[in-house]
Amino acid sequence: MKHKFLIATIAAAAIACATGASAHSKIHSHGHNYKYTMGTVTITVSCFRGPWREVIWDRPNAVFIDSLINAGYDHPTAFAIGQRICRDSALVGNLDRLRSEAIRVLQASPAHRR
C-alpha cells in the first residue's frame, strides 16, 4: 500500500513539474535582448526574468556576459555590469529604458576594458 502511494506521489510530482515548466516557458519571457554595437563588437544585453515584476530571480544570461568579455571586459567586471543592468527593477518590462541604461553604463566603464 505504501509502495503504491509513493509511486503515485512521484508520478504526480513529475507531471506537475513537466506541466509547470511547459506553462512557464509559454507564458513568461526568459530574456529581454538588446544588441549594442561598440566599435566592432556587438554586445547582447540579455537578462533572465522570473515570472514576477519584482526582481527576484533576475540575472544576466551567459550571452550577455560573454559579449562583454568579447568587448574587452574581464569576467568580474562583465558580471558586475550584467548584474547592475539585469537586477535594476526600474528596467523590468521597459526595453527602451533597458537600452538607454545599458548604453550609459557601458560608456561610463571604458576604463575597465582590456
PDB file of N, CA and C in Angstrom:
ATOM      1  N   MET A   1       0.827  -1.190   0.000  1.00  0.00           N
ATOM      2  CA  MET A   1       0.000   0.000   0.000  1.00  0.00           C
ATOM      3  C   MET A   1       0.876   1.261   0.000  1.00  0.00           C
ATOM      4  N   LYS A   2       1.889   1.301   0.880  1.00  0.00           N
ATOM      5  CA  LYS A   2       2.771   2.458   0.944  1.00  0.00           C
ATOM      6  C   LYS A   2       3.560   2.592  -0.352  1.00  0.00           C
ATOM      7  N   HIS A   3       3.918   1.457  -0.929  1.00  0.00           N
ATOM      8  CA  HIS A   3       4.686   1.459  -2.168  1.00  0.00           C
ATOM      9  C   HIS A   3       3.869   2.099  -3.299  1.00  0.00           C
ATOM     10  N   LYS A   4       2.598   1.775  -3.422  1.00  0.00           N
ATOM     11  CA  LYS A   4       1.735   2.352  -4.460  1.00  0.00           C
ATOM     12  C   LYS A   4       1.540   3.846  -4.226  1.00  0.00           C
ATOM     13  N   PHE A   5       1.391   4.234  -2.964  1.00  0.00           N
ATOM     14  CA  PHE A   5       1.228   5.650  -2.637  1.00  0.00           C
ATOM     15  C   PHE A   5       2.478   6.437  -3.019  1.00  0.00           C
ATOM     16  N   LEU A   6       3.654   5.870  -2.746  1.00  0.00           N
ATOM     17  CA  LEU A   6       4.917   6.516  -3.078  1.00  0.00           C
ATOM     18  C   LEU A   6       5.059   6.676  -4.590  1.00  0.00           C
ATOM     19  N   ILE A   7       4.739   5.649  -5.341  1.00  0.00           N
ATOM     20  CA  ILE A   7       4.825   5.719  -6.803  1.00  0.00           C
ATOM     21  C   ILE A   7       3.838   6.757  -7.347  1.00  0.00           C
ATOM     22  N   ALA A   8       2.630   6.780  -6.804  1.00  0.00           N
ATOM     23  CA  ALA A   8       1.628   7.753  -7.249  1.00  0.00           C
ATOM     24  C   ALA A   8       2.082   9.180  -6.943  1.00  0.00           C
ATOM     25  N   THR A   9       2.692   9.390  -5.790  1.00  0.00           N
ATOM     26  CA  THR A   9       3.178  10.713  -5.415  1.00  0.00           C
ATOM     27  C   THR A   9       4.305  11.164  -6.331  1.00  0.00           C
ATOM     28  N   ILE A  10       5.223  10.281  -6.618  1.00  0.00           N
ATOM     29  CA  ILE A  10       6.341  10.607  -7.521  1.00  0.00           C
ATOM     30  C   ILE A  10       5.822  10.914  -8.921  1.00  0.00           C
ATOM     31  N   ALA A  11       4.880  10.115  -9.398  1.00  0.00           N
ATOM     32  CA  ALA A  11       4.309  10.347 -10.725  1.00  0.00           C
ATOM     33  C   ALA A  11       3.589  11.695 -10.776  1.00  0.00           C
ATOM     34  N   ALA A  12       2.826  12.010  -9.735  1.00  0.00           N
ATOM     35  CA  ALA A  12       2.112  13.286  -9.701  1.00  0.00           C
ATOM     36  C   ALA A  12       3.089  14.458  -9.677  1.00  0.00           C
ATOM     37  N   ALA A  13       4.168  14.327  -8.924  1.00  0.00           N
ATOM     38  CA  ALA A  13       5.172  15.385  -8.854  1.00  0.00           C
ATOM     39  C   ALA A  13       5.856  15.571 -10.207  1.00  0.00           C
ATOM     40  N   ALA A  14       6.163  14.474 -10.873  1.00  0.00           N
ATOM     41  CA  ALA A  14       6.809  14.558 -12.185  1.00  0.00           C
ATOM     42  C   ALA A  14       5.896  15.227 -13.207  1.00  0.00           C
ATOM     43  N   ILE A  15       4.633  14.893 -13.181  1.00  0.00           N
ATOM     44  CA  ILE A  15       3.678  15.512 -14.106  1.00  0.00           C
ATOM     45  C   ILE A  15       3.525  16.994 -13.796  1.00  0.00           C
ATOM     46  N   ALA A  16       3.448  17.336 -12.521  1.00  0.00           N
ATOM     47  CA  ALA A  16       3.311  18.736 -12.128  1.00  0.00           C
ATOM     48  C   ALA A  16       4.533  19.539 -12.564  1.00  0.00           C
ATOM     49  N   CYS A  17       5.723  18.986 -12.407  1.00  0.00           N
ATOM     50  CA  CYS A  17       6.943  19.686 -12.822  1.00  0.00           C
ATOM     51  C   CYS A  17       6.963  19.873 -14.334  1.00  0.00           C
ATOM     52  N   ALA A  18       6.593  18.850 -15.075  1.00  0.00           N
ATOM     53  CA  ALA A  18       6.606  18.929 -16.536  1.00  0.00           C
ATOM     54  C   ALA A  18       5.603  19.961 -17.033  1.00  0.00           C
ATOM     55  N   THR A  19       4.399  19.954 -16.502  1.00  0.00           N
ATOM     56  CA  THR A  19       3.403  20.934 -16.947  1.00  0.00           C
ATOM     57  C   THR A  19       3.748  22.318 -16.456  1.00  0.00           C
ATOM     58  N   GLY A  20       4.302  22.440 -15.286  1.00  0.00           N
ATOM     59  CA  GLY A  20       4.698  23.750 -14.777  1.00  0.00           C
ATOM     60  C   GLY A  20       5.799  24.361 -15.612  1.00  0.00           C
ATOM     61  N   ALA A  21       6.788  23.577 -15.990  1.00  0.00           N
ATOM     62  CA  ALA A  21       7.884  24.086 -16.818  1.00  0.00           C
ATOM     63  C   ALA A  21       7.375  24.465 -18.200  1.00  0.00           C
ATOM     64  N   SER A  22       6.482  23.660 -18.735  1.00  0.00           N
ATOM     65  CA  SER A  22       5.931  23.940 -20.049  1.00  0.00           C
ATOM     66  C   SER A  22       5.093  25.207 -20.030  1.00  0.00           C
ATOM     67  N   ALA A  23       4.251  25.362 -19.024  1.00  0.00           N
ATOM     68  CA  ALA A  23       3.420  26.555 -18.924  1.00  0.00           C
ATOM     69  C   ALA A  23       4.287  27.785 -18.692  1.00  0.00           C
ATOM     70  N   HIS A  24       5.325  27.639 -17.900  1.00  0.00           N
ATOM     71  CA  HIS A  24       6.214  28.755 -17.599  1.00  0.00           C
ATOM     72  C   HIS A  24       6.882  29.256 -18.867  1.00  0.00           C
ATOM     73  N   SER A  25       7.364  28.346 -19.710  1.00  0.00           N
ATOM     74  CA  SER A  25       8.072  28.776 -20.900  1.00  0.00           C
ATOM     75  C   SER A  25       7.135  29.385 -21.936  1.00  0.00           C
ATOM     76  N   LYS A  26       5.862  29.045 -21.907  1.00  0.00           N
ATOM     77  CA  LYS A  26       4.920  29.603 -22.866  1.00  0.00           C
ATOM     78  C   LYS A  26       4.438  30.980 -22.435  1.00  0.00           C
ATOM     79  N   ILE A  27       4.352  31.220 -21.157  1.00  0.00           N
ATOM     80  CA  ILE A  27       3.753  32.448 -20.657  1.00  0.00           C
ATOM     81  C   ILE A  27       4.774  33.544 -20.425  1.00  0.00           C
ATOM     82  N   HIS A  28       5.889  33.202 -19.850  1.00  0.00           N
ATOM     83  CA  HIS A  28       6.846  34.214 -19.410  1.00  0.00           C
ATOM     84  C   HIS A  28       8.051  34.264 -20.318  1.00  0.00           C
ATOM     85  N   SER A  29       8.539  35.456 -20.521  1.00  0.00           N
ATOM     86  CA  SER A  29       9.751  35.635 -21.299  1.00  0.00           C
ATOM     87  C   SER A  29      10.955  35.373 -20.404  1.00  0.00           C
ATOM     88  N   HIS A  30      11.883  34.584 -20.902  1.00  0.00           N
ATOM     89  CA  HIS A  30      13.086  34.295 -20.118  1.00  0.00           C
ATOM     90  C   HIS A  30      14.170  35.327 -20.350  1.00  0.00           C
ATOM     91  N   GLY A  31      13.984  36.183 -21.291  1.00  0.00           N
ATOM     92  CA  GLY A  31      15.033  37.150 -21.525  1.00  0.00           C
ATOM     93  C   GLY A  31      14.533  38.364 -22.275  1.00  0.00           C
ATOM     94  N   HIS A  32      15.221  39.427 -22.056  1.00  0.00           N
ATOM     95  CA  HIS A  32      14.990  40.656 -22.800  1.00  0.00           C
ATOM     96  C   HIS A  32      16.305  40.932 -23.498  1.00  0.00           C
ATOM     97  N   ASN A  33      16.266  40.969 -24.820  1.00  0.00           N
ATOM     98  CA  ASN A  33      17.502  41.116 -25.562  1.00  0.00           C
ATOM     99  C   ASN A  33      17.571  42.466 -26.252  1.00  0.00           C
ATOM    100  N   TYR A  34      18.754  43.026 -26.253  1.00  0.00           N
ATOM    101  CA  TYR A  34      19.032  44.244 -26.988  1.00  0.00           C
ATOM    102  C   TYR A  34      20.480  44.155 -27.434  1.00  0.00           C
ATOM    103  N   LYS A  35      20.735  44.459 -28.683  1.00  0.00           N
ATOM    104  CA  LYS A  35      22.105  44.417 -29.192  1.00  0.00           C
ATOM    105  C   LYS A  35      22.634  45.832 -29.329  1.00  0.00           C
ATOM    106  N   TYR A  36      23.837  46.028 -28.818  1.00  0.00           N
ATOM    107  CA  TYR A  36      24.504  47.331 -28.842  1.00  0.00           C
ATOM    108  C   TYR A  36      25.883  47.124 -29.446  1.00  0.00           C
ATOM    109  N   THR A  37      26.195  47.879 -30.490  1.00  0.00           N
ATOM    110  CA  THR A  37      27.498  47.752 -31.131  1.00  0.00           C
ATOM    111  C   THR A  37      28.429  48.822 -30.595  1.00  0.00           C
ATOM    112  N   MET A  38      29.569  48.357 -30.099  1.00  0.00           N
ATOM    113  CA  MET A  38      30.575  49.235 -29.516  1.00  0.00           C
ATOM    114  C   MET A  38      31.857  49.020 -30.318  1.00  0.00           C
ATOM    115  N   GLY A  39      32.158  49.931 -31.208  1.00  0.00           N
ATOM    116  CA  GLY A  39      33.298  49.727 -32.096  1.00  0.00           C
ATOM    117  C   GLY A  39      32.953  48.641 -33.096  1.00  0.00           C
ATOM    118  N   THR A  40      33.713  47.573 -33.088  1.00  0.00           N
ATOM    119  CA  THR A  40      33.435  46.455 -33.996  1.00  0.00           C
ATOM    120  C   THR A  40      32.815  45.277 -33.260  1.00  0.00           C
ATOM    121  N   VAL A  41      32.503  45.446 -31.983  1.00  0.00           N
ATOM    122  CA  VAL A  41      31.973  44.360 -31.160  1.00  0.00           C
ATOM    123  C   VAL A  41      30.497  44.629 -30.842  1.00  0.00           C
ATOM    124  N   THR A  42      29.689  43.594 -30.965  1.00  0.00           N
ATOM    125  CA  THR A  42      28.284  43.712 -30.617  1.00  0.00           C
ATOM    126  C   THR A  42      28.062  43.123 -29.232  1.00  0.00           C
ATOM    127  N   ILE A  43      27.451  43.907 -28.361  1.00  0.00           N
ATOM    128  CA  ILE A  43      27.119  43.446 -27.014  1.00  0.00           C
ATOM    129  C   ILE A  43      25.636  43.131 -26.991  1.00  0.00           C
ATOM    130  N   THR A  44      25.305  41.918 -26.583  1.00  0.00           N
ATOM    131  CA  THR A  44      23.919  41.488 -26.492  1.00  0.00           C
ATOM    132  C   THR A  44      23.481  41.604 -25.045  1.00  0.00           C
ATOM    133  N   VAL A  45      22.588  42.534 -24.767  1.00  0.00           N
ATOM    134  CA  VAL A  45      22.044  42.693 -23.421  1.00  0.00           C
ATOM    135  C   VAL A  45      20.906  41.688 -23.299  1.00  0.00           C
ATOM    136  N   SER A  46      21.084  40.707 -22.447  1.00  0.00           N
ATOM    137  CA  SER A  46      20.112  39.627 -22.307  1.00  0.00           C
ATOM    138  C   SER A  46      20.000  39.232 -20.840  1.00  0.00           C
ATOM    139  N   CYS A  47      18.793  39.355 -20.303  1.00  0.00           N
ATOM    140  CA  CYS A  47      18.560  39.069 -18.896  1.00  0.00           C
ATOM    141  C   CYS A  47      17.509  37.984 -18.730  1.00  0.00           C
ATOM    142  N   PHE A  48      17.745  37.083 -17.793  1.00  0.00           N
ATOM    143  CA  PHE A  48      16.707  36.137 -17.401  1.00  0.00           C
ATOM    144  C   PHE A  48      15.771  36.879 -16.455  1.00  0.00           C
ATOM    145  N   ARG A  49      14.490  36.822 -16.730  1.00  0.00           N
ATOM    146  CA  ARG A  49      13.483  37.445 -15.870  1.00  0.00           C
ATOM    147  C   ARG A  49      12.589  36.351 -15.330  1.00  0.00           C
ATOM    148  N   GLY A  50      12.350  36.377 -14.040  1.00  0.00           N
ATOM    149  CA  GLY A  50      11.423  35.430 -13.434  1.00  0.00           C
ATOM    150  C   GLY A  50       9.989  35.801 -13.789  1.00  0.00           C
ATOM    151  N   PRO A  51       9.040  35.065 -13.290  1.00  0.00           N
ATOM    152  CA  PRO A  51       7.637  35.311 -13.644  1.00  0.00           C
ATOM    153  C   PRO A  51       6.996  36.482 -12.909  1.00  0.00           C
ATOM    154  N   TRP A  52       7.757  37.206 -12.097  1.00  0.00           N
ATOM    155  CA  TRP A  52       7.208  38.326 -11.332  1.00  0.00           C
ATOM    156  C   TRP A  52       7.778  39.632 -11.843  1.00  0.00           C
ATOM    157  N   ARG A  53       7.103  40.740 -11.549  1.00  0.00           N
ATOM    158  CA  ARG A  53       7.636  42.071 -11.855  1.00  0.00           C
ATOM    159  C   ARG A  53       8.749  42.415 -10.876  1.00  0.00           C
ATOM    160  N   GLU A  54       8.706  41.835  -9.687  1.00  0.00           N
ATOM    161  CA  GLU A  54       9.762  42.078  -8.715  1.00  0.00           C
ATOM    162  C   GLU A  54      11.055  41.412  -9.196  1.00  0.00           C
ATOM    163  N   VAL A  55      12.169  41.992  -8.814  1.00  0.00           N
ATOM    164  CA  VAL A  55      13.467  41.443  -9.196  1.00  0.00           C
ATOM    165  C   VAL A  55      13.847  40.391  -8.155  1.00  0.00           C
ATOM    166  N   ILE A  56      13.542  39.143  -8.469  1.00  0.00           N
ATOM    167  CA  ILE A  56      13.808  38.049  -7.541  1.00  0.00           C
ATOM    168  C   ILE A  56      14.854  37.107  -8.140  1.00  0.00           C
ATOM    169  N   TRP A  57      14.566  36.572  -9.325  1.00  0.00           N
ATOM    170  CA  TRP A  57      15.451  35.602  -9.963  1.00  0.00           C
ATOM    171  C   TRP A  57      16.298  36.243 -11.054  1.00  0.00           C
ATOM    172  N   ASP A  58      16.101  37.512 -11.311  1.00  0.00           N
ATOM    173  CA  ASP A  58      16.709  38.178 -12.452  1.00  0.00           C
ATOM    174  C   ASP A  58      18.238  38.119 -12.393  1.00  0.00           C
ATOM    175  N   ARG A  59      18.819  37.824 -13.554  1.00  0.00           N
ATOM    176  CA  ARG A  59      20.270  37.731 -13.645  1.00  0.00           C
ATOM    177  C   ARG A  59      20.672  37.836 -15.115  1.00  0.00           C
ATOM    178  N   PRO A  60      21.926  38.166 -15.389  1.00  0.00           N
ATOM    179  CA  PRO A  60      22.367  38.240 -16.787  1.00  0.00           C
ATOM    180  C   PRO A  60      22.490  36.846 -17.387  1.00  0.00           C
ATOM    181  N   ASN A  61      22.064  36.708 -18.634  1.00  0.00           N
ATOM    182  CA  ASN A  61      22.261  35.455 -19.355  1.00  0.00           C
ATOM    183  C   ASN A  61      23.715  35.353 -19.804  1.00  0.00           C
ATOM    184  N   ALA A  62      24.153  34.143 -20.078  1.00  0.00           N
ATOM    185  CA  ALA A  62      25.550  33.906 -20.459  1.00  0.00           C
ATOM    186  C   ALA A  62      25.942  34.685 -21.711  1.00  0.00           C
ATOM    187  N   VAL A  63      25.026  34.842 -22.661  1.00  0.00           N
ATOM    188  CA  VAL A  63      25.343  35.568 -23.890  1.00  0.00           C
ATOM    189  C   VAL A  63      25.694  37.025 -23.590  1.00  0.00           C
ATOM    190  N   PHE A  64      25.083  37.601 -22.577  1.00  0.00           N
ATOM    191  CA  PHE A  64      25.383  38.982 -22.159  1.00  0.00           C
ATOM    192  C   PHE A  64      26.798  39.054 -21.589  1.00  0.00           C
ATOM    193  N   ILE A  65      27.112  38.177 -20.657  1.00  0.00           N
ATOM    194  CA  ILE A  65      28.445  38.158 -20.036  1.00  0.00           C
ATOM    195  C   ILE A  65      29.514  37.884 -21.095  1.00  0.00           C
ATOM    196  N   ASP A  66      29.262  36.885 -21.952  1.00  0.00           N
ATOM    197  CA  ASP A  66      30.244  36.535 -22.992  1.00  0.00           C
ATOM    198  C   ASP A  66      30.478  37.689 -23.965  1.00  0.00           C
ATOM    199  N   SER A  67      29.416  38.409 -24.328  1.00  0.00           N
ATOM    200  CA  SER A  67      29.611  39.529 -25.262  1.00  0.00           C
ATOM    201  C   SER A  67      30.393  40.667 -24.600  1.00  0.00           C
ATOM    202  N   LEU A  68      30.215  40.861 -23.297  1.00  0.00           N
ATOM    203  CA  LEU A  68      31.012  41.869 -22.583  1.00  0.00           C
ATOM    204  C   LEU A  68      32.486  41.461 -22.531  1.00  0.00           C
ATOM    205  N   ILE A  69      32.733  40.177 -22.297  1.00  0.00           N
ATOM    206  CA  ILE A  69      34.114  39.674 -22.286  1.00  0.00           C
ATOM    207  C   ILE A  69      34.739  39.836 -23.670  1.00  0.00           C
ATOM    208  N   ASN A  70      33.964  39.543 -24.732  1.00  0.00           N
ATOM    209  CA  ASN A  70      34.466  39.725 -26.102  1.00  0.00           C
ATOM    210  C   ASN A  70      34.750  41.195 -26.415  1.00  0.00           C
ATOM    211  N   ALA A  71      34.051  42.097 -25.726  1.00  0.00           N
ATOM    212  CA  ALA A  71      34.268  43.536 -25.916  1.00  0.00           C
ATOM    213  C   ALA A  71      35.497  44.023 -25.155  1.00  0.00           C
ATOM    214  N   GLY A  72      36.100  43.153 -24.320  1.00  0.00           N
ATOM    215  CA  GLY A  72      37.337  43.517 -23.637  1.00  0.00           C
ATOM    216  C   GLY A  72      37.250  43.635 -22.134  1.00  0.00           C
ATOM    217  N   TYR A  73      36.075  43.436 -21.559  1.00  0.00           N
ATOM    218  CA  TYR A  73      35.946  43.490 -20.100  1.00  0.00           C
ATOM    219  C   TYR A  73      36.426  42.175 -19.506  1.00  0.00           C
ATOM    220  N   ASP A  74      37.036  42.225 -18.318  1.00  0.00           N
ATOM    221  CA  ASP A  74      37.386  40.980 -17.646  1.00  0.00           C
ATOM    222  C   ASP A  74      36.103  40.385 -17.042  1.00  0.00           C
ATOM    223  N   HIS A  75      36.172  39.113 -16.652  1.00  0.00           N
ATOM    224  CA  HIS A  75      34.961  38.420 -16.195  1.00  0.00           C
ATOM    225  C   HIS A  75      34.298  39.095 -14.990  1.00  0.00           C
ATOM    226  N   PRO A  76      35.043  39.462 -13.940  1.00  0.00           N
ATOM    227  CA  PRO A  76      34.381  40.103 -12.796  1.00  0.00           C
ATOM    228  C   PRO A  76      33.663  41.407 -13.174  1.00  0.00           C
ATOM    229  N   THR A  77      34.293  42.202 -14.035  1.00  0.00           N
ATOM    230  CA  THR A  77      33.672  43.460 -14.458  1.00  0.00           C
ATOM    231  C   THR A  77      32.455  43.189 -15.333  1.00  0.00           C
ATOM    232  N   ALA A  78      32.567  42.228 -16.250  1.00  0.00           N
ATOM    233  CA  ALA A  78      31.436  41.866 -17.112  1.00  0.00           C
ATOM    234  C   ALA A  78      30.264  41.383 -16.268  1.00  0.00           C
ATOM    235  N   PHE A  79      30.543  40.555 -15.279  1.00  0.00           N
ATOM    236  CA  PHE A  79      29.478  40.039 -14.418  1.00  0.00           C
ATOM    237  C   PHE A  79      28.851  41.176 -13.612  1.00  0.00           C
ATOM    238  N   ALA A  80      29.676  42.094 -13.114  1.00  0.00           N
ATOM    239  CA  ALA A  80      29.154  43.226 -12.336  1.00  0.00           C
ATOM    240  C   ALA A  80      28.262  44.115 -13.197  1.00  0.00           C
ATOM    241  N   ILE A  81      28.663  44.371 -14.436  1.00  0.00           N
ATOM    242  CA  ILE A  81      27.833  45.167 -15.343  1.00  0.00           C
ATOM    243  C   ILE A  81      26.520  44.438 -15.623  1.00  0.00           C
ATOM    244  N   GLY A  82      26.610  43.136 -15.884  1.00  0.00           N
ATOM    245  CA  GLY A  82      25.403  42.344 -16.138  1.00  0.00           C
ATOM    246  C   GLY A  82      24.448  42.360 -14.953  1.00  0.00           C
ATOM    247  N   GLN A  83      24.986  42.185 -13.761  1.00  0.00           N
ATOM    248  CA  GLN A  83      24.153  42.227 -12.556  1.00  0.00           C
ATOM    249  C   GLN A  83      23.519  43.605 -12.386  1.00  0.00           C
ATOM    250  N   ARG A  84      24.300  44.652 -12.630  1.00  0.00           N
ATOM    251  CA  ARG A  84      23.808  46.027 -12.475  1.00  0.00           C
ATOM    252  C   ARG A  84      22.622  46.281 -13.395  1.00  0.00           C
ATOM    253  N   ILE A  85      22.725  45.837 -14.638  1.00  0.00           N
ATOM    254  CA  ILE A  85      21.663  46.063 -15.616  1.00  0.00           C
ATOM    255  C   ILE A  85      20.460  45.157 -15.339  1.00  0.00           C
ATOM    256  N   CYS A  86      20.698  43.880 -15.136  1.00  0.00           N
ATOM    257  CA  CYS A  86      19.595  42.912 -15.034  1.00  0.00           C
ATOM    258  C   CYS A  86      18.865  42.960 -13.693  1.00  0.00           C
ATOM    259  N   ARG A  87      19.495  43.459 -12.648  1.00  0.00           N
ATOM    260  CA  ARG A  87      18.843  43.491 -11.337  1.00  0.00           C
ATOM    261  C   ARG A  87      18.204  44.841 -11.024  1.00  0.00           C
ATOM    262  N   ASP A  88      18.194  45.756 -11.977  1.00  0.00           N
ATOM    263  CA  ASP A  88      17.594  47.071 -11.776  1.00  0.00           C
ATOM    264  C   ASP A  88      16.084  46.956 -11.986  1.00  0.00           C
ATOM    265  N   SER A  89      15.326  47.126 -10.921  1.00  0.00           N
ATOM    266  CA  SER A  89      13.867  46.946 -11.004  1.00  0.00           C
ATOM    267  C   SER A  89      13.203  47.989 -11.895  1.00  0.00           C
ATOM    268  N   ALA A  90      13.825  49.134 -12.090  1.00  0.00           N
ATOM    269  CA  ALA A  90      13.244  50.167 -12.955  1.00  0.00           C
ATOM    270  C   ALA A  90      13.295  49.772 -14.433  1.00  0.00           C
ATOM    271  N   LEU A  91      14.104  48.781 -14.776  1.00  0.00           N
ATOM    272  CA  LEU A  91      14.260  48.380 -16.173  1.00  0.00           C
ATOM    273  C   LEU A  91      13.377  47.206 -16.570  1.00  0.00           C
ATOM    274  N   VAL A  92      12.711  46.578 -15.617  1.00  0.00           N
ATOM    275  CA  VAL A  92      11.867  45.409 -15.900  1.00  0.00           C
ATOM    276  C   VAL A  92      10.685  45.834 -16.759  1.00  0.00           C
ATOM    277  N   GLY A  93      10.549  45.183 -17.910  1.00  0.00           N
ATOM    278  CA  GLY A  93       9.419  45.447 -18.792  1.00  0.00           C
ATOM    279  C   GLY A  93       9.537  46.734 -19.593  1.00  0.00           C
ATOM    280  N   ASN A  94      10.689  47.386 -19.578  1.00  0.00           N
ATOM    281  CA  ASN A  94      10.866  48.650 -20.282  1.00  0.00           C
ATOM    282  C   ASN A  94      12.120  48.549 -21.147  1.00  0.00           C
ATOM    283  N   LEU A  95      11.955  48.052 -22.368  1.00  0.00           N
ATOM    284  CA  LEU A  95      13.094  47.791 -23.242  1.00  0.00           C
ATOM    285  C   LEU A  95      13.847  49.072 -23.620  1.00  0.00           C
ATOM    286  N   ASP A  96      13.126  50.174 -23.816  1.00  0.00           N
ATOM    287  CA  ASP A  96      13.805  51.435 -24.152  1.00  0.00           C
ATOM    288  C   ASP A  96      14.701  51.899 -23.008  1.00  0.00           C
ATOM    289  N   ARG A  97      14.195  51.799 -21.806  1.00  0.00           N
ATOM    290  CA  ARG A  97      14.988  52.206 -20.645  1.00  0.00           C
ATOM    291  C   ARG A  97      16.153  51.241 -20.410  1.00  0.00           C
ATOM    292  N   LEU A  98      15.925  49.940 -20.662  1.00  0.00           N
ATOM    293  CA  LEU A  98      16.991  48.937 -20.568  1.00  0.00           C
ATOM    294  C   LEU A  98      18.112  49.296 -21.537  1.00  0.00           C
ATOM    295  N   ARG A  99      17.757  49.624 -22.767  1.00  0.00           N
ATOM    296  CA  ARG A  99      18.738  50.004 -23.787  1.00  0.00           C
ATOM    297  C   ARG A  99      19.516  51.245 -23.354  1.00  0.00           C
ATOM    298  N   SER A 100      18.805  52.276 -22.925  1.00  0.00           N
ATOM    299  CA  SER A 100      19.453  53.526 -22.521  1.00  0.00           C
ATOM    300  C   SER A 100      20.401  53.325 -21.343  1.00  0.00           C
ATOM    301  N   GLU A 101      19.962  52.566 -20.355  1.00  0.00           N
ATOM    302  CA  GLU A 101      20.801  52.334 -19.167  1.00  0.00           C
ATOM    303  C   GLU A 101      22.016  51.477 -19.515  1.00  0.00           C
ATOM    304  N   ALA A 102      21.838  50.475 -20.379  1.00  0.00           N
ATOM    305  CA  ALA A 102      22.975  49.640 -20.792  1.00  0.00           C
ATOM    306  C   ALA A 102      24.015  50.490 -21.516  1.00  0.00           C
ATOM    307  N   ILE A 103      23.566  51.344 -22.414  1.00  0.00           N
ATOM    308  CA  ILE A 103      24.500  52.218 -23.131  1.00  0.00           C
ATOM    309  C   ILE A 103      25.203  53.157 -22.158  1.00  0.00           C
ATOM    310  N   ARG A 104      24.451  53.726 -21.225  1.00  0.00           N
ATOM    311  CA  ARG A 104      25.040  54.642 -20.247  1.00  0.00           C
ATOM    312  C   ARG A 104      26.115  53.952 -19.405  1.00  0.00           C
ATOM    313  N   VAL A 105      25.811  52.759 -18.910  1.00  0.00           N
ATOM    314  CA  VAL A 105      26.762  52.029 -18.063  1.00  0.00           C
ATOM    315  C   VAL A 105      27.993  51.625 -18.867  1.00  0.00           C
ATOM    316  N   LEU A 106      27.799  51.160 -20.104  1.00  0.00           N
ATOM    317  CA  LEU A 106      28.934  50.744 -20.926  1.00  0.00           C
ATOM    318  C   LEU A 106      29.819  51.931 -21.297  1.00  0.00           C
ATOM    319  N   GLN A 107      29.217  53.072 -21.591  1.00  0.00           N
ATOM    320  CA  GLN A 107      30.016  54.247 -21.921  1.00  0.00           C
ATOM    321  C   GLN A 107      30.745  54.796 -20.697  1.00  0.00           C
ATOM    322  N   ALA A 108      30.178  54.577 -19.515  1.00  0.00           N
ATOM    323  CA  ALA A 108      30.816  55.043 -18.284  1.00  0.00           C
ATOM    324  C   ALA A 108      31.918  54.100 -17.807  1.00  0.00           C
ATOM    325  N   SER A 109      32.037  52.928 -18.417  1.00  0.00           N
ATOM    326  CA  SER A 109      33.000  51.910 -17.958  1.00  0.00           C
ATOM    327  C   SER A 109      34.098  51.573 -18.943  1.00  0.00           C
ATOM    328  N   PRO A 110      34.494  52.461 -19.858  1.00  0.00           N
ATOM    329  CA  PRO A 110      35.527  52.051 -20.825  1.00  0.00           C
ATOM    330  C   PRO A 110      36.896  51.835 -20.191  1.00  0.00           C
ATOM    331  N   ALA A 111      37.153  52.444 -19.046  1.00  0.00           N
ATOM    332  CA  ALA A 111      38.461  52.296 -18.392  1.00  0.00           C
ATOM    333  C   ALA A 111      38.693  50.869 -17.889  1.00  0.00           C
ATOM    334  N   HIS A 112      37.629  50.108 -17.726  1.00  0.00           N
ATOM    335  CA  HIS A 112      37.772  48.746 -17.223  1.00  0.00           C
ATOM    336  C   HIS A 112      37.984  47.726 -18.336  1.00  0.00           C
ATOM    337  N   ARG A 113      38.003  48.215 -19.580  1.00  0.00           N
ATOM    338  CA  ARG A 113      38.247  47.304 -20.708  1.00  0.00           C
ATOM    339  C   ARG A 113      39.730  47.037 -20.851  1.00  0.00           C
ATOM    340  N   ARG A 114      40.062  45.857 -21.340  1.00  0.00           N
ATOM    341  CA  ARG A 114      41.463  45.500 -21.585  1.00  0.00           C
ATOM    342  C   ARG A 114      41.984  46.214 -22.791  1.00  0.00           C
TER     343      ARG A 114
END
